[in-house]
Each structure stands twice: as structure tokens, then as C-alpha cells.
N, C-alpha and C. Protein backbone atom coordinates (compact mmCIF):
# COMPACT_ATOMS: atom_id res chain seq x y z
N MET A 1 12.92 9.00 47.11
CA MET A 1 13.20 8.49 45.76
C MET A 1 13.17 6.97 45.79
N ASP A 2 12.60 6.38 44.77
CA ASP A 2 12.45 4.92 44.72
C ASP A 2 13.76 4.28 44.27
N LEU A 3 14.58 3.87 45.24
CA LEU A 3 15.88 3.28 44.90
C LEU A 3 15.75 1.88 44.35
N ALA A 4 14.54 1.31 44.33
CA ALA A 4 14.35 0.01 43.70
C ALA A 4 14.34 0.14 42.19
N SER A 5 14.15 1.34 41.68
CA SER A 5 14.13 1.58 40.24
C SER A 5 15.54 1.79 39.73
N THR A 6 15.97 0.92 38.84
CA THR A 6 17.32 1.06 38.29
C THR A 6 17.46 2.35 37.48
N SER A 7 16.38 2.75 36.82
CA SER A 7 16.43 3.99 36.04
C SER A 7 16.63 5.20 36.94
N LEU A 8 15.89 5.27 38.04
CA LEU A 8 16.03 6.40 38.95
C LEU A 8 17.39 6.41 39.65
N VAL A 9 17.88 5.21 39.99
CA VAL A 9 19.21 5.15 40.61
C VAL A 9 20.26 5.74 39.66
N ARG A 10 20.19 5.36 38.39
CA ARG A 10 21.17 5.87 37.44
C ARG A 10 21.00 7.37 37.23
N LEU A 11 19.75 7.83 37.08
CA LEU A 11 19.51 9.26 36.90
C LEU A 11 20.04 10.05 38.09
N ASN A 12 19.75 9.56 39.28
CA ASN A 12 20.19 10.27 40.48
C ASN A 12 21.72 10.34 40.56
N PHE A 13 22.37 9.25 40.20
CA PHE A 13 23.83 9.21 40.27
C PHE A 13 24.46 10.06 39.17
N GLU A 14 23.97 9.90 37.96
CA GLU A 14 24.62 10.53 36.81
C GLU A 14 24.35 12.04 36.73
N THR A 15 23.29 12.51 37.38
CA THR A 15 22.98 13.95 37.32
C THR A 15 23.33 14.67 38.63
N ARG A 16 24.05 14.01 39.51
CA ARG A 16 24.31 14.59 40.83
C ARG A 16 25.09 15.90 40.75
N VAL A 17 25.80 16.12 39.66
CA VAL A 17 26.55 17.37 39.51
C VAL A 17 25.62 18.58 39.54
N HIS A 18 24.34 18.39 39.19
CA HIS A 18 23.40 19.50 39.15
C HIS A 18 22.61 19.68 40.45
N HIS A 19 22.62 18.68 41.32
CA HIS A 19 21.65 18.64 42.41
C HIS A 19 21.78 19.79 43.41
N ASP A 20 22.98 20.10 43.83
CA ASP A 20 23.14 21.16 44.83
C ASP A 20 22.62 22.49 44.31
N ALA A 21 22.96 22.82 43.08
CA ALA A 21 22.51 24.09 42.51
C ALA A 21 20.99 24.11 42.34
N ALA A 22 20.42 23.00 41.90
CA ALA A 22 18.97 22.94 41.73
C ALA A 22 18.26 23.04 43.08
N ASP A 23 18.79 22.36 44.08
CA ASP A 23 18.16 22.37 45.41
C ASP A 23 18.23 23.75 46.06
N MET A 24 19.26 24.52 45.76
CA MET A 24 19.43 25.82 46.41
C MET A 24 18.27 26.77 46.09
N PHE A 25 17.60 26.56 44.98
CA PHE A 25 16.47 27.42 44.62
C PHE A 25 15.44 27.45 45.74
N TRP A 26 15.09 26.29 46.30
CA TRP A 26 14.14 26.23 47.40
C TRP A 26 14.83 26.28 48.75
N ARG A 27 16.01 25.68 48.88
CA ARG A 27 16.70 25.69 50.16
C ARG A 27 17.02 27.11 50.62
N SER A 28 17.18 28.03 49.69
CA SER A 28 17.50 29.41 50.07
C SER A 28 16.40 30.06 50.88
N LEU A 29 15.21 29.46 50.88
CA LEU A 29 14.12 29.99 51.70
C LEU A 29 14.17 29.46 53.13
N LEU A 30 15.01 28.47 53.39
CA LEU A 30 15.07 27.85 54.71
C LEU A 30 16.01 28.63 55.63
N VAL A 31 15.70 29.91 55.80
CA VAL A 31 16.51 30.79 56.62
C VAL A 31 15.60 31.58 57.55
N PRO A 32 16.14 32.03 58.70
CA PRO A 32 15.34 32.91 59.55
C PRO A 32 15.03 34.21 58.80
N LYS A 33 13.90 34.77 59.09
CA LYS A 33 13.49 36.05 58.52
C LYS A 33 13.32 35.99 57.00
N VAL A 34 12.97 34.83 56.48
CA VAL A 34 12.62 34.76 55.07
C VAL A 34 11.46 35.71 54.82
N THR A 35 11.43 36.33 53.66
CA THR A 35 10.41 37.34 53.40
C THR A 35 9.35 36.83 52.43
N ARG A 36 8.21 37.48 52.52
CA ARG A 36 7.11 37.18 51.60
C ARG A 36 7.53 37.44 50.15
N ALA A 37 8.30 38.50 49.94
CA ALA A 37 8.77 38.82 48.59
C ALA A 37 9.66 37.72 48.03
N GLU A 38 10.53 37.16 48.87
CA GLU A 38 11.40 36.06 48.42
C GLU A 38 10.57 34.84 48.03
N TYR A 39 9.55 34.56 48.82
CA TYR A 39 8.68 33.42 48.51
C TYR A 39 7.94 33.65 47.19
N MET A 40 7.41 34.86 47.01
CA MET A 40 6.71 35.17 45.76
C MET A 40 7.64 35.04 44.56
N ASP A 41 8.88 35.46 44.73
CA ASP A 41 9.85 35.35 43.65
C ASP A 41 10.05 33.89 43.24
N ARG A 42 10.18 32.99 44.24
CA ARG A 42 10.37 31.58 43.92
C ARG A 42 9.13 31.02 43.21
N LEU A 43 7.96 31.39 43.70
CA LEU A 43 6.73 30.89 43.08
C LEU A 43 6.61 31.38 41.64
N ALA A 44 6.89 32.65 41.41
CA ALA A 44 6.77 33.20 40.06
C ALA A 44 7.78 32.57 39.12
N THR A 45 9.00 32.38 39.61
CA THR A 45 10.03 31.75 38.78
C THR A 45 9.65 30.31 38.46
N ALA A 46 9.14 29.59 39.47
CA ALA A 46 8.70 28.21 39.24
C ALA A 46 7.53 28.17 38.26
N TYR A 47 6.63 29.12 38.37
CA TYR A 47 5.48 29.17 37.45
C TYR A 47 5.95 29.39 36.02
N GLY A 48 6.93 30.27 35.85
CA GLY A 48 7.44 30.56 34.51
C GLY A 48 8.10 29.38 33.84
N PHE A 49 8.55 28.43 34.63
CA PHE A 49 9.15 27.21 34.08
C PHE A 49 8.14 26.08 33.98
N THR A 50 7.32 25.93 35.01
CA THR A 50 6.41 24.79 35.10
C THR A 50 5.29 24.86 34.07
N ALA A 51 4.73 26.04 33.87
CA ALA A 51 3.60 26.16 32.93
C ALA A 51 3.99 25.75 31.51
N PRO A 52 5.08 26.27 30.94
CA PRO A 52 5.45 25.82 29.59
C PRO A 52 5.90 24.36 29.56
N PHE A 53 6.50 23.87 30.65
CA PHE A 53 6.88 22.46 30.70
C PHE A 53 5.64 21.58 30.61
N GLU A 54 4.62 21.89 31.38
CA GLU A 54 3.40 21.09 31.36
C GLU A 54 2.69 21.17 30.01
N ALA A 55 2.75 22.34 29.37
CA ALA A 55 2.17 22.47 28.03
C ALA A 55 2.93 21.60 27.04
N ALA A 56 4.27 21.56 27.16
CA ALA A 56 5.07 20.72 26.27
C ALA A 56 4.74 19.25 26.47
N CYS A 57 4.54 18.84 27.72
CA CYS A 57 4.18 17.45 28.00
C CYS A 57 2.83 17.10 27.38
N ALA A 58 1.89 18.03 27.46
CA ALA A 58 0.55 17.77 26.95
C ALA A 58 0.55 17.49 25.45
N TYR A 59 1.55 18.04 24.74
CA TYR A 59 1.62 17.85 23.29
C TYR A 59 2.65 16.80 22.87
N THR A 60 3.20 16.09 23.85
CA THR A 60 4.18 15.04 23.54
C THR A 60 3.45 13.73 23.22
N PRO A 61 3.61 13.18 22.04
CA PRO A 61 2.87 11.96 21.66
C PRO A 61 3.11 10.81 22.63
N GLY A 62 2.01 10.20 23.09
CA GLY A 62 2.09 9.00 23.91
C GLY A 62 2.32 9.23 25.38
N LEU A 63 2.70 10.44 25.79
CA LEU A 63 3.03 10.66 27.20
C LEU A 63 1.80 10.57 28.09
N ARG A 64 0.68 11.06 27.59
CA ARG A 64 -0.55 11.02 28.38
C ARG A 64 -0.98 9.59 28.68
N ASP A 65 -0.61 8.67 27.80
CA ASP A 65 -0.95 7.25 28.03
C ASP A 65 0.04 6.57 28.97
N THR A 66 1.12 7.26 29.29
CA THR A 66 2.18 6.69 30.12
C THR A 66 1.99 7.01 31.60
N LEU A 67 1.60 8.25 31.86
CA LEU A 67 1.45 8.74 33.23
C LEU A 67 0.17 9.57 33.33
N ASP A 68 -0.34 9.68 34.54
CA ASP A 68 -1.48 10.55 34.79
C ASP A 68 -0.95 11.98 34.90
N LEU A 69 -0.92 12.68 33.78
CA LEU A 69 -0.36 14.03 33.77
C LEU A 69 -1.19 15.00 34.60
N ARG A 70 -2.48 14.77 34.65
CA ARG A 70 -3.34 15.67 35.42
C ARG A 70 -2.98 15.63 36.91
N ALA A 71 -2.70 14.44 37.42
CA ALA A 71 -2.34 14.30 38.83
C ALA A 71 -1.00 14.98 39.14
N ARG A 72 -0.15 15.11 38.12
CA ARG A 72 1.16 15.72 38.32
C ARG A 72 1.19 17.19 37.90
N SER A 73 0.08 17.71 37.46
CA SER A 73 0.01 19.10 37.01
C SER A 73 -0.02 20.04 38.21
N ARG A 74 0.91 21.01 38.22
CA ARG A 74 1.00 21.90 39.37
C ARG A 74 1.08 23.38 39.01
N ALA A 75 1.07 23.71 37.72
CA ALA A 75 1.13 25.12 37.34
C ALA A 75 -0.09 25.87 37.86
N GLY A 76 -1.25 25.22 37.85
CA GLY A 76 -2.45 25.87 38.37
C GLY A 76 -2.34 26.19 39.85
N ARG A 77 -1.66 25.35 40.59
CA ARG A 77 -1.47 25.59 42.03
C ARG A 77 -0.51 26.77 42.25
N LEU A 78 0.50 26.87 41.41
CA LEU A 78 1.39 28.03 41.49
C LEU A 78 0.62 29.32 41.22
N ALA A 79 -0.22 29.29 40.20
CA ALA A 79 -1.03 30.47 39.89
C ALA A 79 -1.96 30.81 41.06
N GLN A 80 -2.57 29.80 41.64
CA GLN A 80 -3.45 29.99 42.79
C GLN A 80 -2.72 30.66 43.95
N ASP A 81 -1.51 30.20 44.23
CA ASP A 81 -0.74 30.77 45.33
C ASP A 81 -0.36 32.23 45.05
N LEU A 82 0.05 32.51 43.83
CA LEU A 82 0.43 33.88 43.49
C LEU A 82 -0.75 34.83 43.59
N LEU A 83 -1.92 34.39 43.14
CA LEU A 83 -3.11 35.22 43.27
C LEU A 83 -3.47 35.43 44.74
N GLU A 84 -3.33 34.37 45.54
CA GLU A 84 -3.61 34.47 46.97
C GLU A 84 -2.67 35.47 47.65
N LEU A 85 -1.44 35.56 47.15
CA LEU A 85 -0.47 36.48 47.74
C LEU A 85 -0.60 37.91 47.23
N GLY A 86 -1.55 38.14 46.33
CA GLY A 86 -1.85 39.50 45.93
C GLY A 86 -1.62 39.87 44.48
N LEU A 87 -1.11 38.95 43.67
CA LEU A 87 -0.98 39.26 42.25
C LEU A 87 -2.36 39.42 41.62
N THR A 88 -2.48 40.33 40.69
CA THR A 88 -3.72 40.45 39.93
C THR A 88 -3.64 39.49 38.75
N PRO A 89 -4.78 39.13 38.16
CA PRO A 89 -4.75 38.26 36.98
C PRO A 89 -3.88 38.82 35.86
N SER A 90 -3.89 40.14 35.67
CA SER A 90 -3.07 40.71 34.60
C SER A 90 -1.59 40.60 34.93
N GLU A 91 -1.23 40.76 36.20
CA GLU A 91 0.17 40.59 36.60
C GLU A 91 0.60 39.14 36.44
N LEU A 92 -0.30 38.21 36.77
CA LEU A 92 0.03 36.80 36.61
C LEU A 92 0.29 36.47 35.14
N SER A 93 -0.53 37.03 34.26
CA SER A 93 -0.36 36.75 32.83
C SER A 93 0.94 37.34 32.29
N ALA A 94 1.51 38.32 33.02
CA ALA A 94 2.74 38.96 32.57
C ALA A 94 3.99 38.31 33.15
N VAL A 95 3.83 37.29 33.99
CA VAL A 95 5.00 36.59 34.54
C VAL A 95 5.77 35.97 33.38
N PRO A 96 7.06 36.22 33.27
CA PRO A 96 7.85 35.67 32.15
C PRO A 96 7.80 34.14 32.11
N SER A 97 7.82 33.61 30.89
CA SER A 97 7.82 32.16 30.70
C SER A 97 9.11 31.71 30.05
N CYS A 98 9.49 30.48 30.35
CA CYS A 98 10.70 29.89 29.78
C CYS A 98 10.37 29.34 28.39
N PHE A 99 10.45 30.18 27.39
CA PHE A 99 10.01 29.80 26.05
C PHE A 99 10.85 28.73 25.36
N PRO A 100 12.12 28.50 25.75
CA PRO A 100 12.86 27.42 25.07
C PRO A 100 12.21 26.05 25.21
N ILE A 101 11.31 25.89 26.20
CA ILE A 101 10.67 24.58 26.37
C ILE A 101 9.62 24.42 25.27
N ALA A 102 9.79 23.41 24.45
CA ALA A 102 8.86 23.13 23.35
C ALA A 102 8.39 21.69 23.46
N PRO A 103 7.33 21.32 22.74
CA PRO A 103 6.92 19.91 22.79
C PRO A 103 8.11 18.99 22.54
N PHE A 104 8.20 17.95 23.34
CA PHE A 104 9.35 17.06 23.27
C PHE A 104 9.27 16.16 22.06
N ALA A 105 10.44 15.79 21.56
CA ALA A 105 10.49 14.98 20.36
C ALA A 105 10.04 13.55 20.61
N SER A 106 10.15 13.10 21.86
CA SER A 106 9.78 11.72 22.17
C SER A 106 9.31 11.63 23.61
N ARG A 107 8.66 10.54 23.92
CA ARG A 107 8.20 10.28 25.27
C ARG A 107 9.40 10.15 26.23
N ILE A 108 10.48 9.55 25.75
CA ILE A 108 11.66 9.37 26.59
C ILE A 108 12.28 10.72 26.96
N GLU A 109 12.34 11.62 25.99
CA GLU A 109 12.88 12.95 26.29
C GLU A 109 12.02 13.65 27.35
N ALA A 110 10.71 13.55 27.21
CA ALA A 110 9.81 14.18 28.20
C ALA A 110 10.01 13.57 29.58
N LEU A 111 10.20 12.28 29.65
CA LEU A 111 10.38 11.62 30.95
C LEU A 111 11.69 12.04 31.61
N GLY A 112 12.73 12.28 30.82
CA GLY A 112 13.99 12.77 31.38
C GLY A 112 13.81 14.14 32.02
N TRP A 113 13.07 15.01 31.35
CA TRP A 113 12.78 16.33 31.92
C TRP A 113 11.85 16.21 33.13
N LEU A 114 10.93 15.27 33.08
CA LEU A 114 10.01 15.09 34.19
C LEU A 114 10.76 14.72 35.47
N TYR A 115 11.78 13.91 35.34
CA TYR A 115 12.61 13.58 36.50
C TYR A 115 13.13 14.85 37.17
N VAL A 116 13.58 15.80 36.36
CA VAL A 116 14.12 17.06 36.89
C VAL A 116 13.05 17.82 37.65
N ILE A 117 11.87 17.92 37.06
CA ILE A 117 10.76 18.66 37.68
C ILE A 117 10.29 17.97 38.96
N GLU A 118 10.17 16.66 38.91
CA GLU A 118 9.65 15.92 40.06
C GLU A 118 10.63 15.91 41.23
N ARG A 119 11.91 15.99 40.94
CA ARG A 119 12.90 15.94 42.00
C ARG A 119 12.74 17.08 43.00
N ASP A 120 12.27 18.22 42.53
CA ASP A 120 12.02 19.37 43.40
C ASP A 120 11.10 19.03 44.57
N THR A 121 10.16 18.13 44.33
CA THR A 121 9.12 17.88 45.33
C THR A 121 9.66 17.27 46.62
N ILE A 122 10.86 16.71 46.56
CA ILE A 122 11.46 16.12 47.76
C ILE A 122 11.65 17.18 48.85
N LEU A 123 11.88 18.42 48.44
CA LEU A 123 12.15 19.51 49.39
C LEU A 123 10.89 20.24 49.83
N HIS A 124 9.81 20.07 49.12
CA HIS A 124 8.68 20.98 49.29
C HIS A 124 8.06 20.98 50.68
N GLU A 125 7.91 19.84 51.31
CA GLU A 125 7.26 19.81 52.61
C GLU A 125 8.09 20.52 53.67
N ASN A 126 9.39 20.35 53.65
CA ASN A 126 10.25 21.07 54.60
C ASN A 126 10.17 22.57 54.39
N VAL A 127 10.16 22.98 53.14
CA VAL A 127 10.04 24.41 52.83
C VAL A 127 8.70 24.94 53.28
N ARG A 128 7.63 24.20 53.03
CA ARG A 128 6.29 24.65 53.44
C ARG A 128 6.21 24.84 54.94
N ARG A 129 6.70 23.87 55.70
CA ARG A 129 6.63 23.97 57.16
C ARG A 129 7.42 25.18 57.66
N HIS A 130 8.59 25.41 57.07
CA HIS A 130 9.41 26.55 57.49
C HIS A 130 8.71 27.87 57.18
N LEU A 131 8.15 27.98 56.00
CA LEU A 131 7.48 29.22 55.62
C LEU A 131 6.28 29.51 56.52
N VAL A 132 5.50 28.50 56.81
CA VAL A 132 4.33 28.69 57.66
C VAL A 132 4.74 29.11 59.07
N ALA A 133 5.88 28.57 59.54
CA ALA A 133 6.36 28.96 60.86
C ALA A 133 6.89 30.39 60.87
N GLU A 134 7.60 30.77 59.82
CA GLU A 134 8.20 32.10 59.76
C GLU A 134 7.22 33.17 59.26
N LEU A 135 6.33 32.78 58.36
CA LEU A 135 5.38 33.71 57.75
C LEU A 135 3.97 33.12 57.82
N PRO A 136 3.35 33.13 58.99
CA PRO A 136 2.03 32.50 59.14
C PRO A 136 1.00 33.01 58.13
N GLU A 137 1.18 34.24 57.66
CA GLU A 137 0.20 34.82 56.73
C GLU A 137 0.20 34.16 55.36
N VAL A 138 1.22 33.36 55.04
CA VAL A 138 1.25 32.70 53.73
C VAL A 138 0.68 31.29 53.79
N ARG A 139 0.15 30.89 54.94
CA ARG A 139 -0.37 29.53 55.08
C ARG A 139 -1.37 29.18 53.98
N GLY A 140 -2.21 30.13 53.60
CA GLY A 140 -3.22 29.87 52.57
C GLY A 140 -2.68 29.92 51.16
N ALA A 141 -1.39 30.16 51.02
CA ALA A 141 -0.77 30.26 49.70
C ALA A 141 0.33 29.23 49.54
N THR A 142 0.05 28.00 49.98
CA THR A 142 1.04 26.93 49.87
C THR A 142 0.46 25.72 49.13
N ALA A 143 -0.46 25.97 48.22
CA ALA A 143 -1.07 24.86 47.47
C ALA A 143 -0.02 24.12 46.65
N TYR A 144 0.91 24.86 46.06
CA TYR A 144 1.95 24.22 45.24
C TYR A 144 2.86 23.34 46.10
N LEU A 145 3.35 23.89 47.19
CA LEU A 145 4.26 23.13 48.05
C LEU A 145 3.55 21.95 48.71
N SER A 146 2.23 22.02 48.81
CA SER A 146 1.46 20.94 49.44
C SER A 146 0.95 19.91 48.44
N SER A 147 1.21 20.13 47.15
CA SER A 147 0.55 19.32 46.13
C SER A 147 0.91 17.84 46.20
N TYR A 148 2.11 17.52 46.67
CA TYR A 148 2.51 16.11 46.78
C TYR A 148 2.57 15.66 48.24
N ARG A 149 2.02 16.45 49.11
CA ARG A 149 2.07 16.13 50.53
C ARG A 149 1.48 14.74 50.77
N ASP A 150 2.20 13.90 51.45
CA ASP A 150 1.81 12.52 51.77
C ASP A 150 1.84 11.57 50.58
N VAL A 151 2.15 12.04 49.38
CA VAL A 151 2.18 11.13 48.22
C VAL A 151 3.51 11.22 47.45
N THR A 152 4.48 11.93 48.01
CA THR A 152 5.76 12.09 47.29
C THR A 152 6.37 10.73 46.97
N GLY A 153 6.41 9.85 47.96
CA GLY A 153 6.98 8.52 47.74
C GLY A 153 6.24 7.74 46.69
N ALA A 154 4.91 7.80 46.72
CA ALA A 154 4.10 7.08 45.74
C ALA A 154 4.34 7.61 44.33
N ARG A 155 4.49 8.93 44.20
CA ARG A 155 4.75 9.51 42.88
C ARG A 155 6.10 9.05 42.34
N TRP A 156 7.12 9.00 43.21
CA TRP A 156 8.44 8.54 42.78
C TRP A 156 8.41 7.07 42.38
N GLN A 157 7.70 6.26 43.14
CA GLN A 157 7.60 4.84 42.81
C GLN A 157 6.93 4.65 41.46
N GLU A 158 5.88 5.43 41.20
CA GLU A 158 5.20 5.33 39.91
C GLU A 158 6.13 5.72 38.78
N LEU A 159 6.85 6.84 38.96
CA LEU A 159 7.77 7.28 37.92
C LEU A 159 8.85 6.23 37.68
N GLY A 160 9.39 5.67 38.75
CA GLY A 160 10.41 4.63 38.61
C GLY A 160 9.91 3.43 37.84
N ARG A 161 8.70 2.99 38.15
CA ARG A 161 8.13 1.83 37.43
C ARG A 161 7.95 2.14 35.95
N VAL A 162 7.48 3.35 35.65
CA VAL A 162 7.27 3.74 34.25
C VAL A 162 8.60 3.76 33.51
N LEU A 163 9.61 4.35 34.12
CA LEU A 163 10.92 4.43 33.46
C LEU A 163 11.50 3.04 33.22
N ASP A 164 11.42 2.17 34.21
CA ASP A 164 11.99 0.83 34.06
C ASP A 164 11.24 0.03 32.99
N ARG A 165 9.95 0.29 32.88
CA ARG A 165 9.14 -0.49 31.93
C ARG A 165 9.24 0.03 30.50
N LEU A 166 9.34 1.34 30.35
CA LEU A 166 9.19 1.93 29.02
C LEU A 166 10.49 2.38 28.37
N VAL A 167 11.56 2.46 29.14
CA VAL A 167 12.83 2.93 28.55
C VAL A 167 13.77 1.74 28.40
N PRO A 168 13.95 1.23 27.18
CA PRO A 168 14.85 0.09 26.98
C PRO A 168 16.28 0.45 27.36
N HIS A 169 17.07 -0.56 27.67
CA HIS A 169 18.45 -0.31 28.08
C HIS A 169 19.23 0.45 27.02
N ASP A 170 18.93 0.17 25.74
CA ASP A 170 19.69 0.86 24.70
C ASP A 170 19.23 2.30 24.49
N GLN A 171 18.21 2.75 25.26
CA GLN A 171 17.76 4.14 25.18
C GLN A 171 17.94 4.88 26.51
N ARG A 172 18.62 4.24 27.47
CA ARG A 172 18.85 4.89 28.75
C ARG A 172 19.74 6.13 28.60
N ASP A 173 20.67 6.10 27.63
CA ASP A 173 21.52 7.27 27.41
C ASP A 173 20.68 8.46 26.92
N GLU A 174 19.65 8.17 26.12
CA GLU A 174 18.76 9.23 25.66
C GLU A 174 18.01 9.85 26.83
N LEU A 175 17.57 9.00 27.75
CA LEU A 175 16.88 9.48 28.95
C LEU A 175 17.81 10.36 29.78
N LEU A 176 19.04 9.91 29.96
CA LEU A 176 20.02 10.65 30.74
C LEU A 176 20.35 12.00 30.10
N ALA A 177 20.51 12.00 28.78
CA ALA A 177 20.80 13.25 28.07
C ALA A 177 19.65 14.25 28.25
N ALA A 178 18.43 13.75 28.22
CA ALA A 178 17.27 14.62 28.41
C ALA A 178 17.26 15.21 29.82
N ALA A 179 17.60 14.40 30.82
CA ALA A 179 17.64 14.90 32.19
C ALA A 179 18.71 15.98 32.33
N HIS A 180 19.88 15.76 31.76
CA HIS A 180 20.93 16.78 31.81
C HIS A 180 20.45 18.07 31.14
N ALA A 181 19.79 17.95 29.99
CA ALA A 181 19.27 19.13 29.30
C ALA A 181 18.24 19.85 30.15
N GLY A 182 17.38 19.09 30.81
CA GLY A 182 16.38 19.69 31.68
C GLY A 182 17.01 20.45 32.83
N PHE A 183 18.02 19.86 33.47
CA PHE A 183 18.71 20.56 34.56
C PHE A 183 19.37 21.83 34.06
N ARG A 184 20.04 21.76 32.90
CA ARG A 184 20.72 22.96 32.38
C ARG A 184 19.72 24.08 32.13
N CYS A 185 18.60 23.73 31.52
CA CYS A 185 17.58 24.74 31.24
C CYS A 185 17.02 25.32 32.53
N LEU A 186 16.73 24.45 33.49
CA LEU A 186 16.18 24.89 34.77
C LEU A 186 17.14 25.83 35.49
N LEU A 187 18.42 25.47 35.55
CA LEU A 187 19.40 26.29 36.26
C LEU A 187 19.63 27.62 35.55
N GLU A 188 19.61 27.62 34.24
CA GLU A 188 19.72 28.89 33.51
C GLU A 188 18.52 29.77 33.81
N TRP A 189 17.35 29.16 33.91
CA TRP A 189 16.14 29.92 34.22
C TRP A 189 16.22 30.49 35.64
N HIS A 190 16.66 29.70 36.58
CA HIS A 190 16.80 30.18 37.95
C HIS A 190 17.79 31.34 38.06
N ALA A 191 18.82 31.30 37.23
CA ALA A 191 19.87 32.32 37.30
C ALA A 191 19.54 33.58 36.51
N GLY A 192 18.43 33.58 35.82
CA GLY A 192 18.05 34.71 34.98
C GLY A 192 17.66 35.93 35.78
N PRO A 193 17.37 37.03 35.10
CA PRO A 193 16.99 38.27 35.78
C PRO A 193 15.73 38.09 36.62
N ARG A 194 15.71 38.73 37.77
CA ARG A 194 14.54 38.70 38.64
C ARG A 194 13.59 39.83 38.26
N TYR A 195 12.36 39.70 38.67
CA TYR A 195 11.36 40.72 38.36
C TYR A 195 10.56 40.96 39.63
N GLU A 196 10.24 42.22 39.89
CA GLU A 196 9.55 42.58 41.12
C GLU A 196 8.06 42.30 41.00
N LEU A 197 7.57 41.48 41.94
CA LEU A 197 6.14 41.18 41.94
C LEU A 197 5.48 41.59 43.26
N ALA A 198 6.24 41.50 44.33
CA ALA A 198 5.66 41.69 45.66
C ALA A 198 5.82 43.14 46.11
N ARG A 199 4.98 44.00 45.61
CA ARG A 199 5.07 45.41 45.95
C ARG A 199 4.83 45.62 47.44
N GLY A 200 5.81 46.22 48.09
CA GLY A 200 5.67 46.52 49.50
C GLY A 200 5.81 45.31 50.40
N ALA A 201 6.19 44.15 49.87
CA ALA A 201 6.30 42.96 50.71
C ALA A 201 7.55 43.02 51.55
């Protein structure tokens, strides 16, 4: 995380109440004898949140001019991994989506939610290495976890610069409120009912 960014420092400090619960979603895979089914569950759950989030960003006025959204788009990689692990296209289309996510009212609101989504990437490389060691057969299905490989720091620095430049001090509370809302929605989604995807895994 780019601690030179005052916006990211404040977001990290003020939202720390959510961090342990949010991190556990991926950290729970860092155990011996992790299963392919558990990994598929995490990918499907992440896909159900990430795809509507990215669609909401695409329709948020001015956001595309703020950041390279295509470089940060990862729903396609989640879909790729799920198909590689054996989901059929029809099963992929039936993965539940987090419908409460709608186009954001402002660029600042979208950026607050983006902080929540991007924070996950800090854990991804450790999770990928562990999964490949425990489940060598999933090596070809780690496109999502590898998407920021070697560029995580650069992505955080870019986000920090954008936040510091585009969010005035009198709108930092709006940014923080959006991040809290994003965490609440994400954690509710993680805690929701599970669905079986990995038949026989």
C-alpha cells in the first residue's frame, strides 16, 4: 500500500475495523489440505461480486477518464479460472451476482468502493503460491490471483495519486463513507449462502 498517499493512509486507518473479516475470505485458503472445491467457491463468490462492481464502474460518469479501468478489470479472469476448473458456460452464467451494486452516484463513491476491491490484491500472490503448492492441478486456473503479480505496488501508487489529486479535503468524508459501504456490502456477500459448483471435487 502506498503510505505516501494521505488518502490511502486515512482509508486504511479508518476502515481497519473491516480488514480482518475481509482478509479471512482469502486467508481461509492458506491451510494444509485446502481443497479444489474451496478454491472454486472463493472464485465463484468473488466473481459474483466483481462482475457487477466492474459493470457499475463502467457506467459511472468520469471514472473511465480517471483510471485505466481495463487494466484493473478482473472479472474475465475469474470466469477464465472457473471454466478452467470445469464449470460449463451455462453454470458460469448461473453464478449468483451481488445485485445491490448499481452505477455509482459519483466518481468519489466509485473510488471508495475501488479501494475495497483493490485491497484484496495484497493477499493474492501468497494465496496463489500456497494453492499451487497444495493443489498443483490448479496451476492453470490462477489467472485472477496472478492478475496483479509484480504490479501490485504500482497499482496502489496509481490509486493513491488519483485519490490525492481528485478528492478534495472537504469530500474525504464522502470517500470514507463509500469505502465503509463497500466493505459492508462485500462482507454481507461473503457471509451469504454458499452454492455447490465443484461436483466431485
